[in-house]
Amino acid sequence: MKEFKYVITDPQGIHARPAGEIVKAAKEFACAITLTKDGKSGDCKKIFGIMGLGVKKGNEVVLTFDGEDEDKAYEAISKMMEENL
C-alpha cells in the first residue's frame, strides 16, 4: 500500500471538473484508490465519493493506493494532483 499526502492549492478546491479527471485517471488502474480528508474517505473511482468530501483550498488530503498496480497509479495520480490541484 502506498500513500500520497497533498495540500490542495487550487482556489476552488476539488470541484466537478477535477473530480471527474481524478475518476477518469483512477479507472485506468486495477488497484483500490481512496481519497481521505478529515477522517472521511471516498472511492476515487466514483465522482460522488470525491465530491462528497467537500475538499477546499488549503485542505490536506491523503490518497491511498492498494493493489497490484499501485506503483503506476501512485505515479500517475500524484503527478496529476500536483500539476492541477
N, C-alpha and C. Protein backbone atom coordinates (compact mmCIF):
# COMPACT_ATOMS: atom_id res chain seq x y z
N MET A 1 0.84 -1.18 0.00
CA MET A 1 0.00 0.00 0.00
C MET A 1 0.89 1.24 0.00
N LYS A 2 0.49 2.23 -0.81
CA LYS A 2 1.23 3.49 -0.89
C LYS A 2 0.30 4.63 -0.51
N GLU A 3 0.88 5.69 0.07
CA GLU A 3 0.12 6.88 0.44
C GLU A 3 0.75 8.11 -0.16
N PHE A 4 -0.10 9.06 -0.54
CA PHE A 4 0.35 10.35 -1.07
C PHE A 4 -0.42 11.44 -0.34
N LYS A 5 0.30 12.29 0.39
CA LYS A 5 -0.33 13.41 1.11
C LYS A 5 -0.13 14.67 0.28
N TYR A 6 -1.20 15.47 0.21
CA TYR A 6 -1.12 16.68 -0.62
C TYR A 6 -2.05 17.75 -0.06
N VAL A 7 -1.58 19.00 -0.07
CA VAL A 7 -2.40 20.14 0.34
C VAL A 7 -2.91 20.80 -0.94
N ILE A 8 -4.23 20.93 -1.05
CA ILE A 8 -4.87 21.47 -2.25
C ILE A 8 -4.53 22.96 -2.39
N THR A 9 -4.05 23.34 -3.58
CA THR A 9 -3.69 24.73 -3.84
C THR A 9 -4.67 25.42 -4.79
N ASP A 10 -5.51 24.67 -5.48
CA ASP A 10 -6.48 25.24 -6.41
C ASP A 10 -7.47 26.10 -5.62
N PRO A 11 -7.70 27.35 -6.05
CA PRO A 11 -8.59 28.25 -5.32
C PRO A 11 -10.01 27.70 -5.14
N GLN A 12 -10.45 26.84 -6.05
CA GLN A 12 -11.82 26.31 -5.98
C GLN A 12 -11.87 24.92 -5.32
N GLY A 13 -10.73 24.39 -4.90
CA GLY A 13 -10.70 23.07 -4.29
C GLY A 13 -10.97 21.99 -5.33
N ILE A 14 -11.49 20.86 -4.87
CA ILE A 14 -11.83 19.79 -5.81
C ILE A 14 -13.31 19.92 -6.14
N HIS A 15 -13.61 20.55 -7.27
CA HIS A 15 -14.98 20.70 -7.74
C HIS A 15 -15.23 19.67 -8.84
N ALA A 16 -16.31 19.78 -9.57
CA ALA A 16 -16.73 18.75 -10.53
C ALA A 16 -15.69 18.40 -11.59
N ARG A 17 -15.07 19.41 -12.20
CA ARG A 17 -14.12 19.11 -13.28
C ARG A 17 -12.90 18.32 -12.79
N PRO A 18 -12.19 18.78 -11.76
CA PRO A 18 -11.05 17.98 -11.31
C PRO A 18 -11.47 16.63 -10.69
N ALA A 19 -12.63 16.58 -10.07
CA ALA A 19 -13.11 15.30 -9.53
C ALA A 19 -13.31 14.32 -10.68
N GLY A 20 -13.87 14.80 -11.78
CA GLY A 20 -14.05 13.95 -12.96
C GLY A 20 -12.73 13.47 -13.53
N GLU A 21 -11.72 14.34 -13.52
CA GLU A 21 -10.39 13.95 -14.02
C GLU A 21 -9.76 12.89 -13.12
N ILE A 22 -9.96 13.03 -11.81
CA ILE A 22 -9.42 12.03 -10.86
C ILE A 22 -10.09 10.68 -11.12
N VAL A 23 -11.41 10.68 -11.28
CA VAL A 23 -12.15 9.44 -11.54
C VAL A 23 -11.67 8.79 -12.83
N LYS A 24 -11.53 9.61 -13.87
CA LYS A 24 -11.08 9.10 -15.17
C LYS A 24 -9.70 8.44 -15.05
N ALA A 25 -8.79 9.10 -14.34
CA ALA A 25 -7.44 8.56 -14.15
C ALA A 25 -7.47 7.30 -13.27
N ALA A 26 -8.26 7.31 -12.22
CA ALA A 26 -8.30 6.18 -11.28
C ALA A 26 -8.85 4.92 -11.94
N LYS A 27 -9.80 5.09 -12.85
CA LYS A 27 -10.42 3.94 -13.50
C LYS A 27 -9.46 3.20 -14.44
N GLU A 28 -8.33 3.80 -14.74
CA GLU A 28 -7.33 3.15 -15.60
C GLU A 28 -6.53 2.09 -14.84
N PHE A 29 -6.69 2.04 -13.52
CA PHE A 29 -5.90 1.14 -12.70
C PHE A 29 -6.79 0.14 -11.96
N ALA A 30 -6.24 -1.05 -11.73
CA ALA A 30 -6.99 -2.12 -11.04
C ALA A 30 -6.99 -1.93 -9.53
N CYS A 31 -5.98 -1.27 -8.99
CA CYS A 31 -5.88 -1.14 -7.53
C CYS A 31 -6.99 -0.25 -6.96
N ALA A 32 -7.24 -0.40 -5.67
CA ALA A 32 -8.18 0.46 -4.96
C ALA A 32 -7.49 1.79 -4.68
N ILE A 33 -8.18 2.90 -4.98
CA ILE A 33 -7.64 4.23 -4.75
C ILE A 33 -8.66 5.01 -3.92
N THR A 34 -8.22 5.49 -2.77
CA THR A 34 -9.11 6.16 -1.84
C THR A 34 -8.58 7.55 -1.52
N LEU A 35 -9.49 8.53 -1.47
CA LEU A 35 -9.16 9.90 -1.09
C LEU A 35 -9.73 10.14 0.30
N THR A 36 -8.88 10.61 1.23
CA THR A 36 -9.33 10.84 2.61
C THR A 36 -9.08 12.28 3.00
N LYS A 37 -10.09 12.89 3.64
CA LYS A 37 -9.96 14.25 4.19
C LYS A 37 -10.65 14.27 5.55
N ASP A 38 -9.95 14.71 6.55
CA ASP A 38 -10.50 14.84 7.90
C ASP A 38 -11.18 13.55 8.39
N GLY A 39 -10.56 12.41 8.12
CA GLY A 39 -11.09 11.14 8.60
C GLY A 39 -12.20 10.54 7.76
N LYS A 40 -12.69 11.26 6.74
CA LYS A 40 -13.73 10.73 5.85
C LYS A 40 -13.08 10.34 4.53
N SER A 41 -13.52 9.20 3.99
CA SER A 41 -12.90 8.68 2.77
C SER A 41 -13.92 8.52 1.65
N GLY A 42 -13.39 8.62 0.41
CA GLY A 42 -14.22 8.40 -0.76
C GLY A 42 -13.45 7.59 -1.79
N ASP A 43 -14.17 6.78 -2.54
CA ASP A 43 -13.59 5.96 -3.61
C ASP A 43 -13.28 6.87 -4.80
N CYS A 44 -12.05 6.86 -5.25
CA CYS A 44 -11.63 7.73 -6.35
C CYS A 44 -12.17 7.28 -7.70
N LYS A 45 -12.85 6.15 -7.74
CA LYS A 45 -13.43 5.68 -8.99
C LYS A 45 -14.91 6.09 -9.10
N LYS A 46 -15.39 6.85 -8.10
CA LYS A 46 -16.78 7.31 -8.08
C LYS A 46 -16.80 8.80 -7.79
N ILE A 47 -17.38 9.58 -8.71
CA ILE A 47 -17.33 11.04 -8.58
C ILE A 47 -18.01 11.53 -7.30
N PHE A 48 -19.11 10.90 -6.90
CA PHE A 48 -19.78 11.34 -5.68
C PHE A 48 -18.98 11.00 -4.44
N GLY A 49 -18.13 9.98 -4.53
CA GLY A 49 -17.24 9.65 -3.42
C GLY A 49 -16.24 10.77 -3.16
N ILE A 50 -15.81 11.43 -4.23
CA ILE A 50 -14.85 12.54 -4.12
C ILE A 50 -15.58 13.84 -3.78
N MET A 51 -16.64 14.12 -4.50
CA MET A 51 -17.38 15.38 -4.30
C MET A 51 -17.97 15.47 -2.89
N GLY A 52 -18.37 14.34 -2.34
CA GLY A 52 -18.98 14.32 -1.01
C GLY A 52 -18.04 14.73 0.11
N LEU A 53 -16.74 14.76 -0.16
CA LEU A 53 -15.77 15.14 0.87
C LEU A 53 -15.65 16.66 1.02
N GLY A 54 -16.11 17.41 0.02
CA GLY A 54 -16.06 18.88 0.10
C GLY A 54 -14.67 19.44 0.29
N VAL A 55 -13.72 19.01 -0.53
CA VAL A 55 -12.33 19.43 -0.39
C VAL A 55 -12.15 20.86 -0.90
N LYS A 56 -11.61 21.71 -0.05
CA LYS A 56 -11.39 23.13 -0.36
C LYS A 56 -9.89 23.44 -0.42
N LYS A 57 -9.57 24.63 -0.92
CA LYS A 57 -8.17 25.08 -0.94
C LYS A 57 -7.61 25.07 0.48
N GLY A 58 -6.39 24.56 0.63
CA GLY A 58 -5.73 24.52 1.92
C GLY A 58 -5.96 23.23 2.70
N ASN A 59 -6.93 22.41 2.26
CA ASN A 59 -7.17 21.12 2.92
C ASN A 59 -6.08 20.13 2.56
N GLU A 60 -5.66 19.33 3.55
CA GLU A 60 -4.74 18.24 3.26
C GLU A 60 -5.56 16.99 2.98
N VAL A 61 -5.22 16.32 1.89
CA VAL A 61 -5.86 15.06 1.55
C VAL A 61 -4.80 13.97 1.50
N VAL A 62 -5.26 12.74 1.70
CA VAL A 62 -4.38 11.58 1.61
C VAL A 62 -4.97 10.62 0.59
N LEU A 63 -4.18 10.31 -0.41
CA LEU A 63 -4.58 9.32 -1.40
C LEU A 63 -3.91 8.01 -1.02
N THR A 64 -4.68 6.93 -0.98
CA THR A 64 -4.17 5.61 -0.64
C THR A 64 -4.35 4.69 -1.85
N PHE A 65 -3.29 4.01 -2.20
CA PHE A 65 -3.28 3.10 -3.35
C PHE A 65 -2.99 1.70 -2.83
N ASP A 66 -3.86 0.73 -3.15
CA ASP A 66 -3.68 -0.61 -2.63
C ASP A 66 -4.08 -1.65 -3.68
N GLY A 67 -3.08 -2.37 -4.19
CA GLY A 67 -3.38 -3.40 -5.18
C GLY A 67 -2.21 -3.66 -6.10
N GLU A 68 -2.46 -4.44 -7.12
CA GLU A 68 -1.39 -4.94 -7.98
C GLU A 68 -0.63 -3.86 -8.75
N ASP A 69 -1.31 -2.81 -9.20
CA ASP A 69 -0.63 -1.77 -9.98
C ASP A 69 -0.54 -0.45 -9.21
N GLU A 70 -0.43 -0.54 -7.88
CA GLU A 70 -0.42 0.66 -7.04
C GLU A 70 0.74 1.60 -7.35
N ASP A 71 1.90 1.07 -7.74
CA ASP A 71 3.04 1.94 -8.04
C ASP A 71 2.76 2.83 -9.25
N LYS A 72 2.22 2.25 -10.31
CA LYS A 72 1.89 3.04 -11.51
C LYS A 72 0.79 4.04 -11.21
N ALA A 73 -0.22 3.62 -10.46
CA ALA A 73 -1.32 4.52 -10.10
C ALA A 73 -0.81 5.68 -9.25
N TYR A 74 0.06 5.39 -8.29
CA TYR A 74 0.64 6.42 -7.43
C TYR A 74 1.37 7.47 -8.27
N GLU A 75 2.21 7.01 -9.18
CA GLU A 75 2.97 7.93 -10.02
C GLU A 75 2.05 8.82 -10.85
N ALA A 76 1.08 8.22 -11.52
CA ALA A 76 0.20 8.97 -12.43
C ALA A 76 -0.71 9.95 -11.69
N ILE A 77 -1.35 9.50 -10.64
CA ILE A 77 -2.34 10.34 -9.97
C ILE A 77 -1.68 11.39 -9.08
N SER A 78 -0.57 11.07 -8.42
CA SER A 78 0.10 12.08 -7.62
C SER A 78 0.63 13.20 -8.52
N LYS A 79 1.14 12.84 -9.69
CA LYS A 79 1.63 13.85 -10.65
C LYS A 79 0.47 14.73 -11.11
N MET A 80 -0.66 14.12 -11.42
CA MET A 80 -1.84 14.89 -11.86
C MET A 80 -2.31 15.85 -10.77
N MET A 81 -2.32 15.39 -9.53
CA MET A 81 -2.74 16.25 -8.42
C MET A 81 -1.80 17.46 -8.28
N GLU A 82 -0.49 17.20 -8.34
CA GLU A 82 0.48 18.28 -8.18
C GLU A 82 0.38 19.31 -9.32
N GLU A 83 0.10 18.84 -10.53
CA GLU A 83 0.03 19.74 -11.68
C GLU A 83 -1.28 20.50 -11.79
N ASN A 84 -2.37 19.94 -11.26
CA ASN A 84 -3.69 20.53 -11.49
C ASN A 84 -4.43 21.00 -10.25
N LEU A 85 -4.02 20.56 -9.07
CA LEU A 85 -4.76 20.93 -7.87
C LEU A 85 -3.85 21.55 -6.84
